[in-house]
């Protein structure tokens, strides 16, 4: 089968979206994590939420991520965990839609939060503070951005 230039471009676009936002197929033994983002002070920009396992928590090795328009004070989105286990969530309000957490002198200037309402002190909290169990039936977390 010979692919046209348009077919190749469409495939490359799909791969780019999958790599950028962590979207991809979920294994049959995966579990759904429902994330409620509460108390947004602004409906500008987007909310970015990422799911991490312990190995990826300190870096940027997320399992999956989602971006949703901040068009209401309270939002709900779903993330697909690859399997039951312990996970943590990092979230922030991307006010200017640049895809990055804005910082001044290393201090975040956009609202952010972690699962379990874990507190940051000089960086993200330890994984143990943010970790929650995802069972085969899934899990729910409420995130209050600060």
C-alpha atoms as a PDB file:
ATOM      1  CA  UNK A   1       0.000   0.000   0.000  1.00  0.00           C
ATOM      2  CA  UNK A   2       1.362   3.393  -0.981  1.00  0.00           C
ATOM      3  CA  UNK A   3       0.643   6.383   1.252  1.00  0.00           C
ATOM      4  CA  UNK A   4       0.006   9.838  -0.102  1.00  0.00           C
ATOM      5  CA  UNK A   5       1.645  12.937   1.323  1.00  0.00           C
ATOM      6  CA  UNK A   6      -1.667  13.839   2.952  1.00  0.00           C
ATOM      7  CA  UNK A   7      -1.885  10.407   4.657  1.00  0.00           C
ATOM      8  CA  UNK A   8       1.624  10.808   6.039  1.00  0.00           C
ATOM      9  CA  UNK A   9       0.859  14.329   7.309  1.00  0.00           C
ATOM     10  CA  UNK A  10      -2.321  13.099   9.028  1.00  0.00           C
ATOM     11  CA  UNK A  11      -0.407  10.247  10.676  1.00  0.00           C
ATOM     12  CA  UNK A  12       2.356  12.592  11.863  1.00  0.00           C
ATOM     13  CA  UNK A  13      -0.237  15.009  13.296  1.00  0.00           C
ATOM     14  CA  UNK A  14      -1.909  12.162  15.220  1.00  0.00           C
ATOM     15  CA  UNK A  15       1.444  11.013  16.622  1.00  0.00           C
ATOM     16  CA  UNK A  16       2.337  14.585  17.624  1.00  0.00           C
ATOM     17  CA  UNK A  17      -0.952  15.002  19.521  1.00  0.00           C
ATOM     18  CA  UNK A  18      -0.491  11.630  21.231  1.00  0.00           C
ATOM     19  CA  UNK A  19       3.057  12.448  22.333  1.00  0.00           C
ATOM     20  CA  UNK A  20       2.223  15.987  23.423  1.00  0.00           C
ATOM     21  CA  UNK A  21      -0.844  15.207  25.500  1.00  0.00           C
ATOM     22  CA  UNK A  22      -0.130  11.606  26.441  1.00  0.00           C
ATOM     23  CA  UNK A  23      -3.185  10.395  24.532  1.00  0.00           C
ATOM     24  CA  UNK A  24      -2.976   6.862  23.334  1.00  0.00           C
ATOM     25  CA  UNK A  25      -4.458   3.431  23.613  1.00  0.00           C
ATOM     26  CA  UNK A  26      -5.243   2.170  27.096  1.00  0.00           C
ATOM     27  CA  UNK A  27      -4.451  -1.415  27.997  1.00  0.00           C
ATOM     28  CA  UNK A  28      -7.398  -3.664  28.771  1.00  0.00           C
ATOM     29  CA  UNK A  29      -6.418  -3.756  32.459  1.00  0.00           C
ATOM     30  CA  UNK A  30      -6.395   0.055  32.726  1.00  0.00           C
ATOM     31  CA  UNK A  31      -8.465   2.098  35.148  1.00  0.00           C
ATOM     32  CA  UNK A  32     -10.164   5.480  34.858  1.00  0.00           C
ATOM     33  CA  UNK A  33      -9.263   8.372  37.155  1.00  0.00           C
ATOM     34  CA  UNK A  34     -11.933  11.066  37.436  1.00  0.00           C
ATOM     35  CA  UNK A  35     -10.465  14.451  38.345  1.00  0.00           C
ATOM     36  CA  UNK A  36     -12.626  17.292  39.632  1.00  0.00           C
ATOM     37  CA  UNK A  37     -10.945  20.700  39.421  1.00  0.00           C
ATOM     38  CA  UNK A  38     -12.679  23.101  41.782  1.00  0.00           C
ATOM     39  CA  UNK A  39     -12.775  26.799  42.522  1.00  0.00           C
ATOM     40  CA  UNK A  40     -11.201  28.322  39.431  1.00  0.00           C
ATOM     41  CA  UNK A  41     -10.872  32.061  39.876  1.00  0.00           C
ATOM     42  CA  UNK A  42     -10.684  32.760  36.149  1.00  0.00           C
ATOM     43  CA  UNK A  43     -12.212  31.225  33.038  1.00  0.00           C
ATOM     44  CA  UNK A  44      -9.225  32.285  30.946  1.00  0.00           C
ATOM     45  CA  UNK A  45      -6.752  29.762  29.609  1.00  0.00           C
ATOM     46  CA  UNK A  46      -6.685  26.011  30.098  1.00  0.00           C
ATOM     47  CA  UNK A  47      -6.330  23.529  32.922  1.00  0.00           C
ATOM     48  CA  UNK A  48      -3.558  20.971  32.444  1.00  0.00           C
ATOM     49  CA  UNK A  49      -3.697  17.807  34.546  1.00  0.00           C
ATOM     50  CA  UNK A  50      -1.096  15.029  34.455  1.00  0.00           C
ATOM     51  CA  UNK A  51      -0.995  11.580  36.052  1.00  0.00           C
ATOM     52  CA  UNK A  52       2.348  10.229  37.318  1.00  0.00           C
ATOM     53  CA  UNK A  53       3.649   7.041  38.833  1.00  0.00           C
ATOM     54  CA  UNK A  54       6.378   7.189  41.488  1.00  0.00           C
ATOM     55  CA  UNK A  55       9.204   6.713  38.975  1.00  0.00           C
ATOM     56  CA  UNK A  56       8.157   9.753  36.909  1.00  0.00           C
ATOM     57  CA  UNK A  57       7.007  12.025  39.760  1.00  0.00           C
ATOM     58  CA  UNK A  58      10.217  14.073  40.168  1.00  0.00           C
ATOM     59  CA  UNK A  59      10.655  14.656  36.441  1.00  0.00           C
ATOM     60  CA  UNK A  60       8.357  15.176  33.508  1.00  0.00           C
ATOM     61  CA  UNK A  61       7.708  11.501  32.757  1.00  0.00           C
ATOM     62  CA  UNK A  62       3.935  11.611  33.013  1.00  0.00           C
ATOM     63  CA  UNK A  63       1.759   8.595  32.327  1.00  0.00           C
ATOM     64  CA  UNK A  64      -0.995  10.608  30.673  1.00  0.00           C
ATOM     65  CA  UNK A  65      -2.092  14.255  30.562  1.00  0.00           C
ATOM     66  CA  UNK A  66      -5.159  16.200  29.578  1.00  0.00           C
ATOM     67  CA  UNK A  67      -5.887  19.810  28.728  1.00  0.00           C
ATOM     68  CA  UNK A  68      -9.345  21.305  29.150  1.00  0.00           C
ATOM     69  CA  UNK A  69     -10.624  24.842  28.621  1.00  0.00           C
ATOM     70  CA  UNK A  70     -11.098  26.691  31.908  1.00  0.00           C
ATOM     71  CA  UNK A  71     -14.636  27.704  30.961  1.00  0.00           C
ATOM     72  CA  UNK A  72     -16.369  27.086  34.315  1.00  0.00           C
ATOM     73  CA  UNK A  73     -15.602  27.452  38.034  1.00  0.00           C
ATOM     74  CA  UNK A  74     -15.655  23.658  38.453  1.00  0.00           C
ATOM     75  CA  UNK A  75     -14.516  21.141  35.827  1.00  0.00           C
ATOM     76  CA  UNK A  76     -14.346  17.369  35.548  1.00  0.00           C
ATOM     77  CA  UNK A  77     -12.056  15.347  33.327  1.00  0.00           C
ATOM     78  CA  UNK A  78     -10.939  11.746  33.065  1.00  0.00           C
ATOM     79  CA  UNK A  79      -7.472  10.246  32.810  1.00  0.00           C
ATOM     80  CA  UNK A  80      -6.669   6.658  31.876  1.00  0.00           C
ATOM     81  CA  UNK A  81      -4.270   4.930  34.263  1.00  0.00           C
ATOM     82  CA  UNK A  82      -2.556   2.001  32.524  1.00  0.00           C
ATOM     83  CA  UNK A  83      -3.239  -0.357  35.454  1.00  0.00           C
ATOM     84  CA  UNK A  84      -4.355  -0.289  39.073  1.00  0.00           C
ATOM     85  CA  UNK A  85      -1.652   1.054  41.387  1.00  0.00           C
ATOM     86  CA  UNK A  86      -0.406   4.179  43.165  1.00  0.00           C
ATOM     87  CA  UNK A  87      -0.424   7.434  41.214  1.00  0.00           C
ATOM     88  CA  UNK A  88      -0.118  11.174  41.814  1.00  0.00           C
ATOM     89  CA  UNK A  89      -1.577  14.170  39.990  1.00  0.00           C
ATOM     90  CA  UNK A  90       0.029  17.490  39.137  1.00  0.00           C
ATOM     91  CA  UNK A  91      -2.254  20.224  37.777  1.00  0.00           C
ATOM     92  CA  UNK A  92      -2.007  23.884  36.887  1.00  0.00           C
ATOM     93  CA  UNK A  93      -4.072  26.677  35.371  1.00  0.00           C
ATOM     94  CA  UNK A  94      -2.308  27.665  32.147  1.00  0.00           C
ATOM     95  CA  UNK A  95      -3.664  31.211  32.056  1.00  0.00           C
ATOM     96  CA  UNK A  96      -1.778  32.239  28.916  1.00  0.00           C
ATOM     97  CA  UNK A  97      -2.126  28.886  27.096  1.00  0.00           C
ATOM     98  CA  UNK A  98       1.620  28.538  26.531  1.00  0.00           C
ATOM     99  CA  UNK A  99       1.659  24.918  27.752  1.00  0.00           C
ATOM    100  CA  UNK A 100       4.154  25.656  30.527  1.00  0.00           C
ATOM    101  CA  UNK A 101       3.944  26.605  34.188  1.00  0.00           C
ATOM    102  CA  UNK A 102       5.042  30.245  34.332  1.00  0.00           C
ATOM    103  CA  UNK A 103       7.555  31.033  37.082  1.00  0.00           C
ATOM    104  CA  UNK A 104       9.406  34.030  38.445  1.00  0.00           C
ATOM    105  CA  UNK A 105      12.707  33.188  40.143  1.00  0.00           C
ATOM    106  CA  UNK A 106      11.557  29.541  40.191  1.00  0.00           C
ATOM    107  CA  UNK A 107       8.284  30.344  41.971  1.00  0.00           C
ATOM    108  CA  UNK A 108       5.074  29.438  40.079  1.00  0.00           C
ATOM    109  CA  UNK A 109       2.997  32.437  39.008  1.00  0.00           C
ATOM    110  CA  UNK A 110       0.027  30.388  37.794  1.00  0.00           C
ATOM    111  CA  UNK A 111      -2.340  28.474  40.111  1.00  0.00           C
ATOM    112  CA  UNK A 112      -1.343  24.839  40.691  1.00  0.00           C
ATOM    113  CA  UNK A 113      -2.201  21.841  42.877  1.00  0.00           C
ATOM    114  CA  UNK A 114      -1.406  18.219  43.608  1.00  0.00           C
ATOM    115  CA  UNK A 115      -3.524  15.187  44.413  1.00  0.00           C
ATOM    116  CA  UNK A 116      -4.477  14.674  48.073  1.00  0.00           C
ATOM    117  CA  UNK A 117      -4.136  18.444  48.481  1.00  0.00           C
ATOM    118  CA  UNK A 118      -0.412  17.807  49.046  1.00  0.00           C
ATOM    119  CA  UNK A 119       1.487  20.983  49.863  1.00  0.00           C
ATOM    120  CA  UNK A 120       4.513  22.181  47.912  1.00  0.00           C
ATOM    121  CA  UNK A 121       7.551  23.512  49.714  1.00  0.00           C
ATOM    122  CA  UNK A 122      10.450  24.532  47.511  1.00  0.00           C
ATOM    123  CA  UNK A 123       9.193  22.203  44.774  1.00  0.00           C
ATOM    124  CA  UNK A 124       6.594  19.494  44.315  1.00  0.00           C
ATOM    125  CA  UNK A 125       5.689  17.487  47.422  1.00  0.00           C
ATOM    126  CA  UNK A 126       7.050  13.981  47.903  1.00  0.00           C
ATOM    127  CA  UNK A 127       5.213  11.336  45.925  1.00  0.00           C
ATOM    128  CA  UNK A 128       4.072   9.708  49.166  1.00  0.00           C
ATOM    129  CA  UNK A 129       2.105  12.876  50.086  1.00  0.00           C
ATOM    130  CA  UNK A 130       0.323  13.054  46.728  1.00  0.00           C
ATOM    131  CA  UNK A 131      -0.074   9.324  46.031  1.00  0.00           C
ATOM    132  CA  UNK A 132      -3.501   7.701  45.923  1.00  0.00           C
ATOM    133  CA  UNK A 133      -4.692   4.226  45.031  1.00  0.00           C
ATOM    134  CA  UNK A 134      -6.298   3.479  41.699  1.00  0.00           C
ATOM    135  CA  UNK A 135      -8.212   0.208  41.759  1.00  0.00           C
ATOM    136  CA  UNK A 136      -9.647  -1.762  38.863  1.00  0.00           C
ATOM    137  CA  UNK A 137     -12.836   0.260  39.445  1.00  0.00           C
ATOM    138  CA  UNK A 138     -10.875   3.536  39.069  1.00  0.00           C
ATOM    139  CA  UNK A 139     -10.483   6.466  41.445  1.00  0.00           C
ATOM    140  CA  UNK A 140     -11.596  10.067  42.005  1.00  0.00           C
ATOM    141  CA  UNK A 141      -9.590  13.083  43.069  1.00  0.00           C
ATOM    142  CA  UNK A 142     -10.635  16.678  43.713  1.00  0.00           C
ATOM    143  CA  UNK A 143      -8.023  19.308  42.912  1.00  0.00           C
ATOM    144  CA  UNK A 144      -8.243  22.787  44.455  1.00  0.00           C
ATOM    145  CA  UNK A 145      -5.913  25.116  42.544  1.00  0.00           C
ATOM    146  CA  UNK A 146      -3.965  27.726  44.549  1.00  0.00           C
END
